Amino acid sequence: MPRRRIGFWYRLAAVIAKPPLVVLLKRDWRGMEHIPADGGFITAVNHNSHIDPFAYAHFQYNTGRVPRFLAKSGLFNKGFVGVMMRGTGQIPVYRETTDALSAFRAAIEAVERGECVAFYPEGTITRDPRQWPMIGKTGAARVALQTKCPVVPVAQWGANELLPPYAKKLHVLPRKTSHVLAGPPVDLSPFYDKEMTPDLLKEATEVIMAAVTAQLEVLRGEKAPESAYDPRRERIEQRRRTRAQNGHEGEKSK
């Protein structure tokens, strides 16, 4: 696969980040043939550890198509962090805007320039008890439908064994393996040239997340749950259980 120009700042970041990754993680990388050689595209990646962006970025960097991650726009104005974010071509998300599509205008522009834009559709590290992908947010679908670019589903497993979700301590021994699998681009053509209603975006996002989950099933060698974990629904259920418990205790105290 031909390598595109990466630039000084990205190479500097790689020089800093790659040596510890090589030491800490063995590699099982598959599916690089699904990464487009040319043109803009999106990767949709599952998220199960604070360090899995580094493990995924290592994989993506070695394809020659470096990932451009999304980050809050305010970070781009913060000293050395801002210099690194701008220098490595990361993508600001303008959350202050009231227009959802405008919030992703820089991501759309990056895709149109021919970049690889990496999305974590879950928006945060999974809270699923078995670390399967949760339901996704609609940002990746919005950009994909606006640009009609390929969306490559990427699953990863192993960084979460080095640093489990929401943990602070590394589990260094025995040495873990970073498993990364890229699948064929998701077919979103049935959603093209239609009004981006909430229902359509939700359905397109479900198709993307199903493809990511299918790749993770291959890596883990087991089936995912029938329905994806929904943190909003879980919070509602937790509040309901708490109210019920408090009511039960109140009745007992009478």
C-alpha atoms as a PDB file:
ATOM      1  CA  MET A   1       0.000   0.000   0.000  1.00  0.00           C
ATOM      2  CA  PRO A   2       1.528   3.394  -0.945  1.00  0.00           C
ATOM      3  CA  ARG A   3       2.451   5.618   1.982  1.00  0.00           C
ATOM      4  CA  ARG A   4       1.109   9.174   2.029  1.00  0.00           C
ATOM      5  CA  ARG A   5       3.006  12.141   3.387  1.00  0.00           C
ATOM      6  CA  ILE A   6       2.809  11.938   7.180  1.00  0.00           C
ATOM      7  CA  GLY A   7       4.618  15.074   8.289  1.00  0.00           C
ATOM      8  CA  PHE A   8       7.091  16.028  11.018  1.00  0.00           C
ATOM      9  CA  TRP A   9       4.722  16.249  13.982  1.00  0.00           C
ATOM     10  CA  TYR A  10       3.054  12.896  13.328  1.00  0.00           C
ATOM     11  CA  ARG A  11       6.446  11.237  12.910  1.00  0.00           C
ATOM     12  CA  LEU A  12       7.570  12.812  16.197  1.00  0.00           C
ATOM     13  CA  ALA A  13       4.479  11.459  17.940  1.00  0.00           C
ATOM     14  CA  ALA A  14       5.216   8.035  16.470  1.00  0.00           C
ATOM     15  CA  VAL A  15       8.836   8.141  17.649  1.00  0.00           C
ATOM     16  CA  ILE A  16       7.579   8.839  21.180  1.00  0.00           C
ATOM     17  CA  ALA A  17       4.648   6.410  21.279  1.00  0.00           C
ATOM     18  CA  LYS A  18       5.773   3.360  19.295  1.00  0.00           C
ATOM     19  CA  PRO A  19       8.661   2.062  21.480  1.00  0.00           C
ATOM     20  CA  PRO A  20       6.544   1.501  24.631  1.00  0.00           C
ATOM     21  CA  LEU A  21       3.736  -0.002  22.532  1.00  0.00           C
ATOM     22  CA  VAL A  22       6.163  -2.476  20.952  1.00  0.00           C
ATOM     23  CA  VAL A  23       7.483  -3.435  24.393  1.00  0.00           C
ATOM     24  CA  LEU A  24       4.098  -3.752  26.095  1.00  0.00           C
ATOM     25  CA  LEU A  25       1.994  -5.321  23.345  1.00  0.00           C
ATOM     26  CA  LYS A  26       2.473  -8.135  20.857  1.00  0.00           C
ATOM     27  CA  ARG A  27       0.621  -7.594  17.588  1.00  0.00           C
ATOM     28  CA  ASP A  28      -2.080  -9.522  15.773  1.00  0.00           C
ATOM     29  CA  TRP A  29      -3.124  -7.171  12.985  1.00  0.00           C
ATOM     30  CA  ARG A  30      -5.512  -8.234  10.261  1.00  0.00           C
ATOM     31  CA  GLY A  31      -7.578  -6.649   7.507  1.00  0.00           C
ATOM     32  CA  MET A  32      -5.145  -3.988   6.291  1.00  0.00           C
ATOM     33  CA  GLU A  33      -6.256  -4.827   2.762  1.00  0.00           C
ATOM     34  CA  HIS A  34      -9.573  -3.123   3.578  1.00  0.00           C
ATOM     35  CA  ILE A  35      -7.897   0.234   4.249  1.00  0.00           C
ATOM     36  CA  PRO A  36      -8.343   2.402   1.119  1.00  0.00           C
ATOM     37  CA  ALA A  37      -5.086   3.306  -0.618  1.00  0.00           C
ATOM     38  CA  ASP A  38      -6.468   6.637  -1.823  1.00  0.00           C
ATOM     39  CA  GLY A  39      -9.234   9.074  -1.015  1.00  0.00           C
ATOM     40  CA  GLY A  40     -10.919  10.102   2.182  1.00  0.00           C
ATOM     41  CA  PHE A  41     -12.573   7.565   4.451  1.00  0.00           C
ATOM     42  CA  ILE A  42     -13.790   6.984   7.985  1.00  0.00           C
ATOM     43  CA  THR A  43     -12.809   4.278  10.416  1.00  0.00           C
ATOM     44  CA  ALA A  44     -15.346   3.346  13.107  1.00  0.00           C
ATOM     45  CA  VAL A  45     -13.531   1.824  16.076  1.00  0.00           C
ATOM     46  CA  ASN A  46     -14.696   0.220  19.329  1.00  0.00           C
ATOM     47  CA  HIS A  47     -13.368   1.693  22.586  1.00  0.00           C
ATOM     48  CA  ASN A  48     -12.537  -0.395  25.664  1.00  0.00           C
ATOM     49  CA  SER A  49      -9.428   1.141  27.256  1.00  0.00           C
ATOM     50  CA  HIS A  50      -7.807   4.515  27.833  1.00  0.00           C
ATOM     51  CA  ILE A  51      -4.806   3.290  25.835  1.00  0.00           C
ATOM     52  CA  ASP A  52      -6.580   1.623  22.926  1.00  0.00           C
ATOM     53  CA  PRO A  53      -6.370   4.819  20.802  1.00  0.00           C
ATOM     54  CA  PHE A  54      -2.594   4.344  20.848  1.00  0.00           C
ATOM     55  CA  ALA A  55      -2.873   0.640  19.952  1.00  0.00           C
ATOM     56  CA  TYR A  56      -5.295   1.402  17.101  1.00  0.00           C
ATOM     57  CA  ALA A  57      -3.195   4.373  15.917  1.00  0.00           C
ATOM     58  CA  HIS A  58      -0.132   2.095  15.759  1.00  0.00           C
ATOM     59  CA  PHE A  59      -2.033  -0.270  13.456  1.00  0.00           C
ATOM     60  CA  GLN A  60      -3.407   2.558  11.334  1.00  0.00           C
ATOM     61  CA  TYR A  61      -0.043   4.344  11.114  1.00  0.00           C
ATOM     62  CA  ASN A  62       1.554   1.192   9.738  1.00  0.00           C
ATOM     63  CA  THR A  63      -0.977   1.051   6.895  1.00  0.00           C
ATOM     64  CA  GLY A  64       0.444   4.322   5.585  1.00  0.00           C
ATOM     65  CA  ARG A  65      -2.929   6.061   6.090  1.00  0.00           C
ATOM     66  CA  VAL A  66      -2.512   7.842   9.407  1.00  0.00           C
ATOM     67  CA  PRO A  67      -5.657   8.483  11.456  1.00  0.00           C
ATOM     68  CA  ARG A  68      -6.937  11.949  12.265  1.00  0.00           C
ATOM     69  CA  PHE A  69      -8.793  11.794  15.583  1.00  0.00           C
ATOM     70  CA  LEU A  70     -11.640  14.039  16.680  1.00  0.00           C
ATOM     71  CA  ALA A  71     -11.164  16.210  19.770  1.00  0.00           C
ATOM     72  CA  LYS A  72     -12.854  19.175  21.465  1.00  0.00           C
ATOM     73  CA  SER A  73     -12.042  22.364  19.573  1.00  0.00           C
ATOM     74  CA  GLY A  74     -10.806  24.076  22.762  1.00  0.00           C
ATOM     75  CA  LEU A  75      -7.841  21.698  22.999  1.00  0.00           C
ATOM     76  CA  PHE A  76      -6.364  23.188  19.824  1.00  0.00           C
ATOM     77  CA  ASN A  77      -5.624  26.454  21.639  1.00  0.00           C
ATOM     78  CA  LYS A  78      -3.834  24.972  24.683  1.00  0.00           C
ATOM     79  CA  GLY A  79      -0.058  25.488  24.507  1.00  0.00           C
ATOM     80  CA  PHE A  80       2.051  22.494  23.490  1.00  0.00           C
ATOM     81  CA  VAL A  81      -1.017  20.231  23.356  1.00  0.00           C
ATOM     82  CA  GLY A  82      -2.558  22.589  20.817  1.00  0.00           C
ATOM     83  CA  VAL A  83       0.665  22.661  18.799  1.00  0.00           C
ATOM     84  CA  MET A  84       0.723  18.834  18.688  1.00  0.00           C
ATOM     85  CA  MET A  85      -2.977  18.601  17.829  1.00  0.00           C
ATOM     86  CA  ARG A  86      -2.626  21.063  14.972  1.00  0.00           C
ATOM     87  CA  GLY A  87       0.722  19.704  13.825  1.00  0.00           C
ATOM     88  CA  THR A  88      -0.523  16.116  13.616  1.00  0.00           C
ATOM     89  CA  GLY A  89      -3.688  17.184  11.791  1.00  0.00           C
ATOM     90  CA  GLN A  90      -6.202  16.130  14.402  1.00  0.00           C
ATOM     91  CA  ILE A  91      -9.795  17.238  13.886  1.00  0.00           C
ATOM     92  CA  PRO A  92     -11.638  19.802  16.053  1.00  0.00           C
ATOM     93  CA  VAL A  93     -15.277  19.164  16.949  1.00  0.00           C
ATOM     94  CA  TYR A  94     -17.243  22.389  17.438  1.00  0.00           C
ATOM     95  CA  ARG A  95     -19.615  21.342  20.197  1.00  0.00           C
ATOM     96  CA  GLU A  96     -20.670  24.931  20.887  1.00  0.00           C
ATOM     97  CA  THR A  97     -22.645  25.064  17.635  1.00  0.00           C
ATOM     98  CA  THR A  98     -26.372  24.345  17.653  1.00  0.00           C
ATOM     99  CA  ASP A  99     -26.170  22.758  14.195  1.00  0.00           C
ATOM    100  CA  ALA A 100     -25.155  19.095  14.554  1.00  0.00           C
ATOM    101  CA  LEU A 101     -23.689  18.899  11.038  1.00  0.00           C
ATOM    102  CA  SER A 102     -21.679  22.105  11.548  1.00  0.00           C
ATOM    103  CA  ALA A 103     -20.118  20.549  14.649  1.00  0.00           C
ATOM    104  CA  PHE A 104     -18.423  18.072  12.301  1.00  0.00           C
ATOM    105  CA  ARG A 105     -17.522  20.535   9.539  1.00  0.00           C
ATOM    106  CA  ALA A 106     -13.774  20.019  10.059  1.00  0.00           C
ATOM    107  CA  ALA A 107     -14.231  16.231   9.849  1.00  0.00           C
ATOM    108  CA  ILE A 108     -16.174  16.629   6.601  1.00  0.00           C
ATOM    109  CA  GLU A 109     -13.447  18.876   5.200  1.00  0.00           C
ATOM    110  CA  ALA A 110     -10.757  16.360   6.222  1.00  0.00           C
ATOM    111  CA  VAL A 111     -12.540  13.508   4.447  1.00  0.00           C
ATOM    112  CA  GLU A 112     -12.966  15.672   1.365  1.00  0.00           C
ATOM    113  CA  ARG A 113      -9.195  16.376   1.441  1.00  0.00           C
ATOM    114  CA  GLY A 114      -8.563  12.639   1.333  1.00  0.00           C
ATOM    115  CA  GLU A 115      -7.797  11.990   5.009  1.00  0.00           C
ATOM    116  CA  CYS A 116      -8.573   9.023   7.260  1.00  0.00           C
ATOM    117  CA  VAL A 117     -10.879  10.300  10.009  1.00  0.00           C
ATOM    118  CA  ALA A 118     -11.159   7.987  13.019  1.00  0.00           C
ATOM    119  CA  PHE A 119     -14.445   7.889  14.925  1.00  0.00           C
ATOM    120  CA  TYR A 120     -15.174   6.204  18.233  1.00  0.00           C
ATOM    121  CA  PRO A 121     -18.958   6.064  17.735  1.00  0.00           C
ATOM    122  CA  GLU A 122     -19.642   5.016  21.330  1.00  0.00           C
ATOM    123  CA  GLY A 123     -18.284   8.376  22.465  1.00  0.00           C
ATOM    124  CA  THR A 124     -16.595   6.894  25.532  1.00  0.00           C
ATOM    125  CA  ILE A 125     -15.109   3.656  26.833  1.00  0.00           C
ATOM    126  CA  THR A 126     -17.710   0.911  26.799  1.00  0.00           C
ATOM    127  CA  ARG A 127     -19.673   0.333  29.981  1.00  0.00           C
ATOM    128  CA  ASP A 128     -20.970  -3.001  28.804  1.00  0.00           C
ATOM    129  CA  PRO A 129     -20.165  -5.530  31.568  1.00  0.00           C
ATOM    130  CA  ARG A 130     -18.529  -7.859  29.023  1.00  0.00           C
ATOM    131  CA  GLN A 131     -16.856  -5.034  27.082  1.00  0.00           C
ATOM    132  CA  TRP A 132     -18.889  -5.361  23.896  1.00  0.00           C
ATOM    133  CA  PRO A 133     -19.579  -2.163  21.918  1.00  0.00           C
ATOM    134  CA  MET A 134     -22.431   0.000  23.165  1.00  0.00           C
ATOM    135  CA  ILE A 135     -24.961   1.765  20.978  1.00  0.00           C
ATOM    136  CA  GLY A 136     -23.289   4.444  18.897  1.00  0.00           C
ATOM    137  CA  LYS A 137     -23.720   8.169  18.514  1.00  0.00           C
ATOM    138  CA  THR A 138     -24.584   9.510  15.085  1.00  0.00           C
ATOM    139  CA  GLY A 139     -21.507  11.625  14.231  1.00  0.00           C
ATOM    140  CA  ALA A 140     -19.807   9.027  12.024  1.00  0.00           C
ATOM    141  CA  ALA A 141     -23.042   8.408  10.131  1.00  0.00           C
ATOM    142  CA  ARG A 142     -23.580  12.154   9.606  1.00  0.00           C
ATOM    143  CA  VAL A 143     -20.129  12.625   8.077  1.00  0.00           C
ATOM    144  CA  ALA A 144     -20.357   9.417   6.040  1.00  0.00           C
ATOM    145  CA  LEU A 145     -23.728  10.302   4.543  1.00  0.00           C
ATOM    146  CA  GLN A 146     -22.671  13.876   3.843  1.00  0.00           C
ATOM    147  CA  THR A 147     -19.467  12.817   2.035  1.00  0.00           C
ATOM    148  CA  LYS A 148     -20.481   9.333   0.795  1.00  0.00           C
ATOM    149  CA  CYS A 149     -17.032   8.145   1.805  1.00  0.00           C
ATOM    150  CA  PRO A 150     -16.144   4.536   2.737  1.00  0.00           C
ATOM    151  CA  VAL A 151     -16.672   3.585   6.384  1.00  0.00           C
ATOM    152  CA  VAL A 152     -14.254   0.875   7.523  1.00  0.00           C
ATOM    153  CA  PRO A 153     -15.295  -0.981  10.699  1.00  0.00           C
ATOM    154  CA  VAL A 154     -12.342  -1.673  13.000  1.00  0.00           C
ATOM    155  CA  ALA A 155     -12.441  -3.894  16.082  1.00  0.00           C
ATOM    156  CA  GLN A 156      -9.705  -4.134  18.671  1.00  0.00           C
ATOM    157  CA  TRP A 157      -9.073  -6.280  21.715  1.00  0.00           C
ATOM    158  CA  GLY A 158      -6.042  -6.596  23.980  1.00  0.00           C
ATOM    159  CA  ALA A 159      -5.263  -3.048  25.075  1.00  0.00           C
ATOM    160  CA  ASN A 160      -8.155  -3.524  27.513  1.00  0.00           C
ATOM    161  CA  GLU A 161      -6.273  -6.439  29.046  1.00  0.00           C
ATOM    162  CA  LEU A 162      -3.204  -4.240  29.510  1.00  0.00           C
ATOM    163  CA  LEU A 163      -5.314  -1.442  31.004  1.00  0.00           C
ATOM    164  CA  PRO A 164      -8.902  -2.538  31.757  1.00  0.00           C
ATOM    165  CA  PRO A 165     -11.762  -0.073  31.232  1.00  0.00           C
ATOM    166  CA  TYR A 166     -11.665   2.806  33.738  1.00  0.00           C
ATOM    167  CA  ALA A 167      -8.673   1.237  35.538  1.00  0.00           C
ATOM    168  CA  LYS A 168      -5.556   3.199  36.474  1.00  0.00           C
ATOM    169  CA  LYS A 169      -3.009   0.383  36.846  1.00  0.00           C
ATOM    170  CA  LEU A 170      -1.348  -1.470  33.967  1.00  0.00           C
ATOM    171  CA  HIS A 171      -1.409  -5.287  33.950  1.00  0.00           C
ATOM    172  CA  VAL A 172       1.957  -5.706  32.258  1.00  0.00           C
ATOM    173  CA  LEU A 173       2.594  -9.423  32.817  1.00  0.00           C
ATOM    174  CA  PRO A 174       2.091 -11.674  31.050  1.00  0.00           C
ATOM    175  CA  ARG A 175       2.646  -9.592  27.915  1.00  0.00           C
ATOM    176  CA  LYS A 176      -0.636  -8.886  26.162  1.00  0.00           C
ATOM    177  CA  THR A 177      -1.478  -8.963  22.446  1.00  0.00           C
ATOM    178  CA  SER A 178      -3.075  -6.101  20.557  1.00  0.00           C
ATOM    179  CA  HIS A 179      -5.609  -7.713  18.214  1.00  0.00           C
ATOM    180  CA  VAL A 180      -6.902  -5.352  15.512  1.00  0.00           C
ATOM    181  CA  LEU A 181      -9.183  -6.366  12.661  1.00  0.00           C
ATOM    182  CA  ALA A 182     -10.395  -4.050   9.894  1.00  0.00           C
ATOM    183  CA  GLY A 183     -13.396  -5.248   7.929  1.00  0.00           C
ATOM    184  CA  PRO A 184     -14.701  -4.385   4.470  1.00  0.00           C
ATOM    185  CA  PRO A 185     -16.393  -0.980   4.140  1.00  0.00           C
ATOM    186  CA  VAL A 186     -19.962  -0.772   5.398  1.00  0.00           C
ATOM    187  CA  ASP A 187     -22.624  -0.395   2.683  1.00  0.00           C
ATOM    188  CA  LEU A 188     -24.492   2.805   3.540  1.00  0.00           C
ATOM    189  CA  SER A 189     -25.766   3.415   0.004  1.00  0.00           C
ATOM    190  CA  PRO A 190     -29.412   2.725   1.001  1.00  0.00           C
ATOM    191  CA  PHE A 191     -29.221   5.906   3.133  1.00  0.00           C
ATOM    192  CA  TYR A 192     -27.716   8.206   0.496  1.00  0.00           C
ATOM    193  CA  ASP A 193     -29.568  11.266  -0.827  1.00  0.00           C
ATOM    194  CA  LYS A 194     -32.216  11.136   1.874  1.00  0.00           C
ATOM    195  CA  GLU A 195     -33.112  13.659   4.536  1.00  0.00           C
ATOM    196  CA  MET A 196     -30.896  13.133   7.596  1.00  0.00           C
ATOM    197  CA  THR A 197     -33.699  12.598  10.056  1.00  0.00           C
ATOM    198  CA  PRO A 198     -32.954  11.284  13.560  1.00  0.00           C
ATOM    199  CA  ASP A 199     -34.443   7.919  12.596  1.00  0.00           C
ATOM    200  CA  LEU A 200     -32.333   7.611   9.460  1.00  0.00           C
ATOM    201  CA  LEU A 201     -29.150   8.563  11.313  1.00  0.00           C
ATOM    202  CA  LYS A 202     -29.967   6.096  14.067  1.00  0.00           C
ATOM    203  CA  GLU A 203     -30.507   3.302  11.555  1.00  0.00           C
ATOM    204  CA  ALA A 204     -27.284   4.091   9.678  1.00  0.00           C
ATOM    205  CA  THR A 205     -25.392   4.168  12.995  1.00  0.00           C
ATOM    206  CA  GLU A 206     -26.821   0.769  13.930  1.00  0.00           C
ATOM    207  CA  VAL A 207     -25.515  -0.636  10.632  1.00  0.00           C
ATOM    208  CA  ILE A 208     -22.047   0.779  11.367  1.00  0.00           C
ATOM    209  CA  MET A 209     -22.004  -0.544  14.935  1.00  0.00           C
ATOM    210  CA  ALA A 210     -23.228  -3.969  13.814  1.00  0.00           C
ATOM    211  CA  ALA A 211     -20.246  -4.171  11.450  1.00  0.00           C
ATOM    212  CA  VAL A 212     -17.802  -3.150  14.206  1.00  0.00           C
ATOM    213  CA  THR A 213     -19.347  -5.712  16.570  1.00  0.00           C
ATOM    214  CA  ALA A 214     -19.137  -8.429  13.910  1.00  0.00           C
ATOM    215  CA  GLN A 215     -15.383  -7.828  13.592  1.00  0.00           C
ATOM    216  CA  LEU A 216     -15.026  -8.027  17.368  1.00  0.00           C
ATOM    217  CA  GLU A 217     -16.898 -11.337  17.379  1.00  0.00           C
ATOM    218  CA  VAL A 218     -14.215 -12.683  15.043  1.00  0.00           C
ATOM    219  CA  LEU A 219     -11.418 -11.457  17.309  1.00  0.00           C
ATOM    220  CA  ARG A 220     -13.019 -12.817  20.477  1.00  0.00           C
ATOM    221  CA  GLY A 221     -14.351 -16.035  18.947  1.00  0.00           C
ATOM    222  CA  GLU A 222     -17.779 -15.601  20.527  1.00  0.00           C
ATOM    223  CA  LYS A 223     -21.141 -14.010  19.838  1.00  0.00           C
ATOM    224  CA  ALA A 224     -22.096 -10.583  21.093  1.00  0.00           C
ATOM    225  CA  PRO A 225     -25.350 -10.018  23.001  1.00  0.00           C
ATOM    226  CA  GLU A 226     -28.521  -9.743  20.931  1.00  0.00           C
ATOM    227  CA  SER A 227     -28.863  -6.030  21.702  1.00  0.00           C
ATOM    228  CA  ALA A 228     -26.142  -3.473  22.339  1.00  0.00           C
ATOM    229  CA  TYR A 229     -25.709  -1.976  25.786  1.00  0.00           C
ATOM    230  CA  ASP A 230     -27.529   1.348  26.110  1.00  0.00           C
ATOM    231  CA  PRO A 231     -26.038   3.488  28.921  1.00  0.00           C
ATOM    232  CA  ARG A 232     -28.983   5.917  28.855  1.00  0.00           C
ATOM    233  CA  ARG A 233     -31.473   3.089  29.310  1.00  0.00           C
ATOM    234  CA  GLU A 234     -29.293   1.625  32.066  1.00  0.00           C
ATOM    235  CA  ARG A 235     -29.264   4.962  33.922  1.00  0.00           C
ATOM    236  CA  ILE A 236     -33.046   5.151  33.702  1.00  0.00           C
ATOM    237  CA  GLU A 237     -33.359   1.596  34.999  1.00  0.00           C
ATOM    238  CA  GLN A 238     -30.906   2.340  37.803  1.00  0.00           C
ATOM    239  CA  ARG A 239     -32.945   5.353  38.907  1.00  0.00           C
ATOM    240  CA  ARG A 240     -36.115   3.284  38.781  1.00  0.00           C
ATOM    241  CA  ARG A 241     -34.531   0.559  40.923  1.00  0.00           C
ATOM    242  CA  THR A 242     -33.250   3.152  43.378  1.00  0.00           C
ATOM    243  CA  ARG A 243     -36.688   4.748  43.727  1.00  0.00           C
ATOM    244  CA  ALA A 244     -38.271   1.354  44.180  1.00  0.00           C
ATOM    245  CA  GLN A 245     -35.705   0.408  46.812  1.00  0.00           C
ATOM    246  CA  ASN A 246     -36.152   3.689  48.665  1.00  0.00           C
ATOM    247  CA  GLY A 247     -39.916   3.281  48.577  1.00  0.00           C
ATOM    248  CA  HIS A 248     -39.635  -0.264  49.901  1.00  0.00           C
ATOM    249  CA  GLU A 249     -37.393   0.858  52.754  1.00  0.00           C
ATOM    250  CA  GLY A 250     -39.787   3.710  53.543  1.00  0.00           C
ATOM    251  CA  GLU A 251     -42.682   1.282  53.809  1.00  0.00           C
ATOM    252  CA  LYS A 252     -40.667  -0.946  56.178  1.00  0.00           C
ATOM    253  CA  SER A 253     -39.884   1.994  58.464  1.00  0.00           C
ATOM    254  CA  LYS A 254     -43.546   2.877  59.033  1.00  0.00           C
END
